[in-house]
Amino acid sequence: MVLVVAVLSVGIGTAAHTLRFTDQLRLDHEAEFLAKRLQYVREISRNADDFSALGYRELSLGPCFSLKTGGQGYYYRVGSKRVESWKLPQDIHVSCNRQETVFYKDGEATNCTFNLSLGDKKRLVIVDRVGRIRIE
């Protein structure tokens, strides 16, 4: 009986550590996706003339990157039209210190910090004023 309890406790201890490690990997993966999507929106902001040719109006600010209500995803829009939207896994939430991030034609952006969280773990995706994007 003691041997069975010892084996089970070692198995449970290993599984708990693996689950915590898996959560960190999932959070890192979502942070990388968010950073890549921000880079994509930054790149398309340099082609604002293409959007006006496709019928998008109100391009005074350029493409904007915003959070969905409740922190369960994000989207980008051009003018008043939502172009593309992404949903996060149910247990990962995102928040930001700004309502939206605007990318300008010259590559600059409104600086903001996105906070991705999963339980007690978090990752920051930071956009600075000159449009650089980094993960911390």
N, C-alpha and C. Protein backbone atom coordinates (compact mmCIF):
# COMPACT_ATOMS: atom_id res chain seq x y z
N MET A 1 0.83 -1.20 0.00
CA MET A 1 0.00 0.00 0.00
C MET A 1 0.87 1.26 0.00
N VAL A 2 1.95 1.25 0.79
CA VAL A 2 2.86 2.39 0.84
C VAL A 2 3.51 2.62 -0.52
N LEU A 3 3.86 1.56 -1.19
CA LEU A 3 4.47 1.66 -2.51
C LEU A 3 3.51 2.29 -3.51
N VAL A 4 2.25 1.92 -3.48
CA VAL A 4 1.24 2.48 -4.38
C VAL A 4 1.06 3.96 -4.11
N VAL A 5 0.99 4.36 -2.86
CA VAL A 5 0.84 5.77 -2.50
C VAL A 5 2.06 6.57 -2.96
N ALA A 6 3.25 6.01 -2.81
CA ALA A 6 4.47 6.69 -3.23
C ALA A 6 4.49 6.90 -4.74
N VAL A 7 4.13 5.88 -5.48
CA VAL A 7 4.11 5.99 -6.94
C VAL A 7 3.08 7.01 -7.39
N LEU A 8 1.90 6.98 -6.79
CA LEU A 8 0.85 7.94 -7.14
C LEU A 8 1.26 9.38 -6.82
N SER A 9 1.91 9.60 -5.69
CA SER A 9 2.30 10.95 -5.32
C SER A 9 3.38 11.49 -6.26
N VAL A 10 4.31 10.63 -6.68
CA VAL A 10 5.32 11.05 -7.65
C VAL A 10 4.64 11.39 -8.98
N GLY A 11 3.69 10.57 -9.41
CA GLY A 11 2.97 10.83 -10.66
C GLY A 11 2.18 12.11 -10.62
N ILE A 12 1.50 12.36 -9.52
CA ILE A 12 0.71 13.59 -9.38
C ILE A 12 1.62 14.81 -9.33
N GLY A 13 2.73 14.71 -8.63
CA GLY A 13 3.68 15.83 -8.57
C GLY A 13 4.26 16.16 -9.94
N THR A 14 4.57 15.17 -10.71
CA THR A 14 5.09 15.38 -12.06
C THR A 14 4.02 15.99 -12.97
N ALA A 15 2.80 15.49 -12.87
CA ALA A 15 1.71 16.01 -13.71
C ALA A 15 1.41 17.46 -13.37
N ALA A 16 1.41 17.83 -12.10
CA ALA A 16 1.14 19.21 -11.72
C ALA A 16 2.20 20.15 -12.27
N HIS A 17 3.46 19.75 -12.21
CA HIS A 17 4.54 20.57 -12.75
C HIS A 17 4.40 20.71 -14.27
N THR A 18 4.04 19.64 -14.94
CA THR A 18 3.87 19.66 -16.39
C THR A 18 2.72 20.59 -16.78
N LEU A 19 1.63 20.57 -16.03
CA LEU A 19 0.49 21.45 -16.34
C LEU A 19 0.88 22.92 -16.20
N ARG A 20 1.64 23.27 -15.17
CA ARG A 20 2.08 24.65 -15.00
C ARG A 20 2.98 25.05 -16.17
N PHE A 21 3.86 24.16 -16.60
CA PHE A 21 4.75 24.43 -17.71
C PHE A 21 3.95 24.60 -19.00
N THR A 22 2.92 23.79 -19.19
CA THR A 22 2.07 23.87 -20.37
C THR A 22 1.33 25.19 -20.41
N ASP A 23 0.83 25.67 -19.27
CA ASP A 23 0.16 26.97 -19.22
C ASP A 23 1.09 28.08 -19.67
N GLN A 24 2.35 28.04 -19.23
CA GLN A 24 3.31 29.07 -19.63
C GLN A 24 3.57 29.01 -21.13
N LEU A 25 3.67 27.82 -21.69
CA LEU A 25 3.85 27.68 -23.14
C LEU A 25 2.66 28.23 -23.91
N ARG A 26 1.46 27.94 -23.43
CA ARG A 26 0.25 28.46 -24.09
C ARG A 26 0.22 29.98 -24.06
N LEU A 27 0.59 30.56 -22.92
CA LEU A 27 0.60 32.01 -22.80
C LEU A 27 1.67 32.63 -23.70
N ASP A 28 2.85 32.02 -23.75
CA ASP A 28 3.91 32.49 -24.65
C ASP A 28 3.46 32.43 -26.11
N HIS A 29 2.77 31.35 -26.48
CA HIS A 29 2.27 31.17 -27.84
C HIS A 29 1.27 32.29 -28.19
N GLU A 30 0.34 32.58 -27.30
CA GLU A 30 -0.65 33.63 -27.57
C GLU A 30 0.01 35.01 -27.64
N ALA A 31 1.03 35.24 -26.81
CA ALA A 31 1.75 36.52 -26.85
C ALA A 31 2.47 36.68 -28.19
N GLU A 32 3.06 35.61 -28.69
CA GLU A 32 3.72 35.66 -30.00
C GLU A 32 2.71 35.93 -31.11
N PHE A 33 1.53 35.29 -31.04
CA PHE A 33 0.50 35.56 -32.04
C PHE A 33 0.04 37.01 -32.00
N LEU A 34 -0.17 37.54 -30.80
CA LEU A 34 -0.58 38.93 -30.66
C LEU A 34 0.48 39.85 -31.25
N ALA A 35 1.74 39.61 -30.96
CA ALA A 35 2.82 40.44 -31.49
C ALA A 35 2.86 40.37 -33.02
N LYS A 36 2.70 39.18 -33.58
CA LYS A 36 2.70 39.03 -35.04
C LYS A 36 1.53 39.75 -35.68
N ARG A 37 0.37 39.71 -35.04
CA ARG A 37 -0.80 40.39 -35.58
C ARG A 37 -0.63 41.91 -35.49
N LEU A 38 -0.03 42.39 -34.41
CA LEU A 38 0.28 43.81 -34.31
C LEU A 38 1.27 44.23 -35.39
N GLN A 39 2.27 43.41 -35.66
CA GLN A 39 3.24 43.71 -36.72
C GLN A 39 2.54 43.75 -38.08
N TYR A 40 1.60 42.84 -38.28
CA TYR A 40 0.85 42.81 -39.53
C TYR A 40 0.07 44.11 -39.71
N VAL A 41 -0.62 44.55 -38.67
CA VAL A 41 -1.39 45.79 -38.76
C VAL A 41 -0.46 46.99 -38.97
N ARG A 42 0.70 46.96 -38.33
CA ARG A 42 1.68 48.04 -38.53
C ARG A 42 2.12 48.08 -39.99
N GLU A 43 2.36 46.92 -40.59
CA GLU A 43 2.80 46.87 -41.99
C GLU A 43 1.71 47.36 -42.94
N ILE A 44 0.47 46.95 -42.71
CA ILE A 44 -0.58 47.39 -43.63
C ILE A 44 -0.89 48.87 -43.45
N SER A 45 -0.57 49.44 -42.29
CA SER A 45 -0.84 50.87 -42.10
C SER A 45 0.01 51.71 -43.04
N ARG A 46 1.12 51.17 -43.49
CA ARG A 46 1.98 51.90 -44.42
C ARG A 46 1.38 51.94 -45.81
N ASN A 47 0.35 51.12 -46.05
CA ASN A 47 -0.31 51.06 -47.36
C ASN A 47 -1.72 51.62 -47.29
N ALA A 48 -1.89 52.73 -46.61
CA ALA A 48 -3.22 53.31 -46.43
C ALA A 48 -3.87 53.65 -47.77
N ASP A 49 -3.07 53.96 -48.78
CA ASP A 49 -3.63 54.28 -50.10
C ASP A 49 -4.36 53.07 -50.69
N ASP A 50 -3.87 51.86 -50.40
CA ASP A 50 -4.54 50.66 -50.89
C ASP A 50 -5.94 50.53 -50.28
N PHE A 51 -6.10 50.92 -49.02
CA PHE A 51 -7.41 50.83 -48.38
C PHE A 51 -8.39 51.82 -48.99
N SER A 52 -7.93 53.02 -49.29
CA SER A 52 -8.86 53.98 -49.89
C SER A 52 -9.27 53.51 -51.28
N ALA A 53 -8.39 52.82 -51.99
CA ALA A 53 -8.74 52.28 -53.31
C ALA A 53 -9.78 51.16 -53.19
N LEU A 54 -9.79 50.44 -52.04
CA LEU A 54 -10.76 49.37 -51.82
C LEU A 54 -12.08 49.88 -51.27
N GLY A 55 -12.21 51.19 -51.07
CA GLY A 55 -13.47 51.75 -50.62
C GLY A 55 -13.54 52.08 -49.15
N TYR A 56 -12.45 51.92 -48.39
CA TYR A 56 -12.46 52.28 -46.99
C TYR A 56 -12.32 53.80 -46.86
N ARG A 57 -13.15 54.39 -46.05
CA ARG A 57 -13.11 55.85 -45.85
C ARG A 57 -12.62 56.13 -44.43
N GLU A 58 -12.57 57.39 -44.10
CA GLU A 58 -12.19 57.84 -42.75
C GLU A 58 -10.81 57.30 -42.35
N LEU A 59 -9.82 57.49 -43.17
CA LEU A 59 -8.49 56.97 -42.89
C LEU A 59 -7.59 57.96 -42.16
N SER A 60 -8.18 58.95 -41.50
CA SER A 60 -7.34 59.96 -40.86
C SER A 60 -6.43 59.37 -39.79
N LEU A 61 -6.86 58.31 -39.11
CA LEU A 61 -6.04 57.72 -38.06
C LEU A 61 -5.25 56.51 -38.53
N GLY A 62 -5.64 55.89 -39.59
CA GLY A 62 -4.98 54.66 -40.02
C GLY A 62 -5.60 53.45 -39.34
N PRO A 63 -5.09 52.25 -39.63
CA PRO A 63 -5.64 51.05 -39.01
C PRO A 63 -5.52 51.09 -37.49
N CYS A 64 -6.56 50.67 -36.80
CA CYS A 64 -6.61 50.66 -35.34
C CYS A 64 -6.72 49.23 -34.85
N PHE A 65 -6.04 48.92 -33.78
CA PHE A 65 -6.05 47.60 -33.16
C PHE A 65 -6.76 47.75 -31.82
N SER A 66 -7.86 47.02 -31.59
CA SER A 66 -8.67 47.19 -30.39
C SER A 66 -8.97 45.85 -29.74
N LEU A 67 -9.34 45.91 -28.46
CA LEU A 67 -9.73 44.71 -27.71
C LEU A 67 -11.23 44.51 -27.78
N LYS A 68 -11.64 43.24 -27.79
CA LYS A 68 -13.06 42.93 -27.70
C LYS A 68 -13.52 43.13 -26.26
N THR A 69 -14.79 43.38 -26.08
CA THR A 69 -15.35 43.54 -24.75
C THR A 69 -15.13 42.27 -23.94
N GLY A 70 -14.69 42.42 -22.71
CA GLY A 70 -14.48 41.27 -21.84
C GLY A 70 -13.08 40.68 -21.92
N GLY A 71 -12.23 41.20 -22.79
CA GLY A 71 -10.85 40.73 -22.87
C GLY A 71 -10.69 39.34 -23.45
N GLN A 72 -11.63 38.90 -24.26
CA GLN A 72 -11.56 37.55 -24.82
C GLN A 72 -11.04 37.53 -26.25
N GLY A 73 -10.56 38.67 -26.74
CA GLY A 73 -10.04 38.69 -28.10
C GLY A 73 -9.71 40.11 -28.52
N TYR A 74 -9.38 40.27 -29.79
CA TYR A 74 -9.02 41.58 -30.32
C TYR A 74 -9.32 41.61 -31.80
N TYR A 75 -9.31 42.80 -32.37
CA TYR A 75 -9.60 42.96 -33.79
C TYR A 75 -8.89 44.20 -34.31
N TYR A 76 -8.82 44.33 -35.62
CA TYR A 76 -8.36 45.60 -36.17
C TYR A 76 -9.39 46.10 -37.14
N ARG A 77 -9.43 47.41 -37.24
CA ARG A 77 -10.38 48.04 -38.14
C ARG A 77 -9.67 49.13 -38.92
N VAL A 78 -10.27 49.46 -40.04
CA VAL A 78 -9.79 50.57 -40.87
C VAL A 78 -10.98 51.51 -41.01
N GLY A 79 -10.80 52.74 -40.56
CA GLY A 79 -11.93 53.66 -40.54
C GLY A 79 -12.98 53.11 -39.58
N SER A 80 -14.21 52.98 -40.05
CA SER A 80 -15.27 52.45 -39.19
C SER A 80 -15.56 50.97 -39.47
N LYS A 81 -14.81 50.33 -40.38
CA LYS A 81 -15.06 48.94 -40.74
C LYS A 81 -14.11 47.99 -40.04
N ARG A 82 -14.67 46.98 -39.38
CA ARG A 82 -13.85 45.93 -38.78
C ARG A 82 -13.35 45.02 -39.89
N VAL A 83 -12.05 44.82 -39.96
CA VAL A 83 -11.47 44.05 -41.05
C VAL A 83 -11.24 42.61 -40.65
N GLU A 84 -10.62 42.40 -39.50
CA GLU A 84 -10.30 41.05 -39.07
C GLU A 84 -10.40 40.98 -37.54
N SER A 85 -10.81 39.80 -37.04
CA SER A 85 -11.04 39.63 -35.62
C SER A 85 -10.48 38.29 -35.16
N TRP A 86 -9.94 38.23 -33.92
CA TRP A 86 -9.38 37.01 -33.36
C TRP A 86 -9.93 36.78 -31.97
N LYS A 87 -10.16 35.53 -31.63
CA LYS A 87 -10.67 35.16 -30.32
C LYS A 87 -9.57 34.41 -29.56
N LEU A 88 -9.44 34.70 -28.27
CA LEU A 88 -8.48 34.01 -27.42
C LEU A 88 -9.10 32.75 -26.83
N PRO A 89 -8.28 31.78 -26.42
CA PRO A 89 -8.83 30.63 -25.69
C PRO A 89 -9.57 31.12 -24.44
N GLN A 90 -10.54 30.36 -24.00
CA GLN A 90 -11.45 30.81 -22.94
C GLN A 90 -10.74 31.20 -21.64
N ASP A 91 -9.64 30.56 -21.29
CA ASP A 91 -9.00 30.84 -20.01
C ASP A 91 -7.90 31.90 -20.09
N ILE A 92 -7.65 32.46 -21.26
CA ILE A 92 -6.65 33.53 -21.43
C ILE A 92 -7.39 34.85 -21.64
N HIS A 93 -6.96 35.89 -20.92
CA HIS A 93 -7.58 37.21 -21.04
C HIS A 93 -6.53 38.23 -21.43
N VAL A 94 -6.98 39.27 -22.10
CA VAL A 94 -6.09 40.35 -22.51
C VAL A 94 -6.68 41.68 -22.04
N SER A 95 -5.80 42.56 -21.61
CA SER A 95 -6.20 43.92 -21.27
C SER A 95 -5.13 44.86 -21.82
N CYS A 96 -5.44 46.13 -21.85
CA CYS A 96 -4.51 47.11 -22.40
C CYS A 96 -4.69 48.43 -21.67
N ASN A 97 -3.63 49.23 -21.63
CA ASN A 97 -3.72 50.52 -20.96
C ASN A 97 -4.34 51.60 -21.85
N ARG A 98 -4.68 51.26 -23.10
CA ARG A 98 -5.35 52.19 -24.01
C ARG A 98 -6.56 51.48 -24.62
N GLN A 99 -7.51 52.27 -25.05
CA GLN A 99 -8.69 51.69 -25.68
C GLN A 99 -8.35 51.09 -27.04
N GLU A 100 -7.47 51.76 -27.79
CA GLU A 100 -7.06 51.23 -29.07
C GLU A 100 -5.66 51.70 -29.41
N THR A 101 -5.01 50.93 -30.25
CA THR A 101 -3.67 51.25 -30.73
C THR A 101 -3.79 51.65 -32.18
N VAL A 102 -3.29 52.82 -32.51
CA VAL A 102 -3.37 53.33 -33.87
C VAL A 102 -1.98 53.29 -34.49
N PHE A 103 -1.90 52.74 -35.70
CA PHE A 103 -0.65 52.72 -36.45
C PHE A 103 -0.75 53.74 -37.58
N TYR A 104 0.25 54.60 -37.67
CA TYR A 104 0.25 55.66 -38.66
C TYR A 104 1.06 55.25 -39.89
N LYS A 105 0.85 55.99 -40.97
CA LYS A 105 1.50 55.65 -42.25
C LYS A 105 3.02 55.68 -42.16
N ASP A 106 3.57 56.52 -41.29
CA ASP A 106 5.03 56.63 -41.18
C ASP A 106 5.63 55.55 -40.29
N GLY A 107 4.80 54.61 -39.78
CA GLY A 107 5.29 53.52 -38.95
C GLY A 107 5.15 53.75 -37.46
N GLU A 108 4.88 54.99 -37.06
CA GLU A 108 4.71 55.27 -35.63
C GLU A 108 3.37 54.73 -35.14
N ALA A 109 3.24 54.65 -33.81
CA ALA A 109 2.02 54.10 -33.22
C ALA A 109 1.74 54.80 -31.89
N THR A 110 0.52 54.66 -31.42
CA THR A 110 0.23 55.09 -30.06
C THR A 110 0.80 54.03 -29.13
N ASN A 111 1.62 54.44 -28.18
CA ASN A 111 2.25 53.45 -27.31
C ASN A 111 1.23 52.81 -26.38
N CYS A 112 1.37 51.50 -26.19
CA CYS A 112 0.44 50.78 -25.34
C CYS A 112 1.09 49.48 -24.85
N THR A 113 0.51 48.93 -23.80
CA THR A 113 0.98 47.68 -23.24
C THR A 113 -0.19 46.72 -23.13
N PHE A 114 -0.12 45.60 -23.84
CA PHE A 114 -1.12 44.55 -23.75
C PHE A 114 -0.68 43.56 -22.68
N ASN A 115 -1.60 43.20 -21.81
CA ASN A 115 -1.32 42.26 -20.73
C ASN A 115 -2.13 40.99 -20.96
N LEU A 116 -1.45 39.92 -21.33
CA LEU A 116 -2.09 38.61 -21.49
C LEU A 116 -1.93 37.86 -20.18
N SER A 117 -3.02 37.29 -19.67
CA SER A 117 -2.92 36.58 -18.39
C SER A 117 -3.63 35.24 -18.46
N LEU A 118 -3.06 34.29 -17.74
CA LEU A 118 -3.61 32.95 -17.59
C LEU A 118 -3.35 32.54 -16.15
N GLY A 119 -4.38 32.62 -15.32
CA GLY A 119 -4.20 32.34 -13.91
C GLY A 119 -3.26 33.37 -13.30
N ASP A 120 -2.19 32.90 -12.66
CA ASP A 120 -1.23 33.81 -12.04
C ASP A 120 -0.07 34.16 -12.97
N LYS A 121 -0.09 33.69 -14.20
CA LYS A 121 0.98 33.95 -15.16
C LYS A 121 0.57 35.08 -16.09
N LYS A 122 1.54 35.85 -16.55
CA LYS A 122 1.22 36.92 -17.49
C LYS A 122 2.38 37.17 -18.43
N ARG A 123 2.07 37.73 -19.57
CA ARG A 123 3.03 38.16 -20.58
C ARG A 123 2.60 39.55 -21.05
N LEU A 124 3.57 40.40 -21.27
CA LEU A 124 3.29 41.74 -21.77
C LEU A 124 3.73 41.82 -23.23
N VAL A 125 2.90 42.44 -24.05
CA VAL A 125 3.26 42.76 -25.43
C VAL A 125 3.20 44.28 -25.51
N ILE A 126 4.36 44.88 -25.77
CA ILE A 126 4.49 46.33 -25.68
C ILE A 126 4.71 46.92 -27.07
N VAL A 127 3.94 47.97 -27.38
CA VAL A 127 4.11 48.74 -28.61
C VAL A 127 4.59 50.12 -28.19
N ASP A 128 5.77 50.53 -28.66
CA ASP A 128 6.26 51.85 -28.28
C ASP A 128 5.90 52.89 -29.33
N ARG A 129 6.23 54.12 -29.06
CA ARG A 129 5.82 55.26 -29.90
C ARG A 129 6.33 55.16 -31.34
N VAL A 130 7.50 54.56 -31.54
CA VAL A 130 8.04 54.45 -32.90
C VAL A 130 7.56 53.19 -33.61
N GLY A 131 6.66 52.44 -32.99
CA GLY A 131 6.07 51.27 -33.63
C GLY A 131 6.78 49.95 -33.37
N ARG A 132 7.80 49.94 -32.51
CA ARG A 132 8.47 48.67 -32.19
C ARG A 132 7.57 47.85 -31.29
N ILE A 133 7.59 46.54 -31.50
CA ILE A 133 6.75 45.61 -30.74
C ILE A 133 7.66 44.59 -30.07
N ARG A 134 7.49 44.41 -28.77
CA ARG A 134 8.31 43.44 -28.06
C ARG A 134 7.47 42.71 -27.00
N ILE A 135 7.95 41.52 -26.63
CA ILE A 135 7.27 40.69 -25.64
C ILE A 135 8.14 40.63 -24.38
N GLU A 136 7.53 40.82 -23.25
CA GLU A 136 8.22 40.70 -21.96
C GLU A 136 7.50 39.72 -21.07
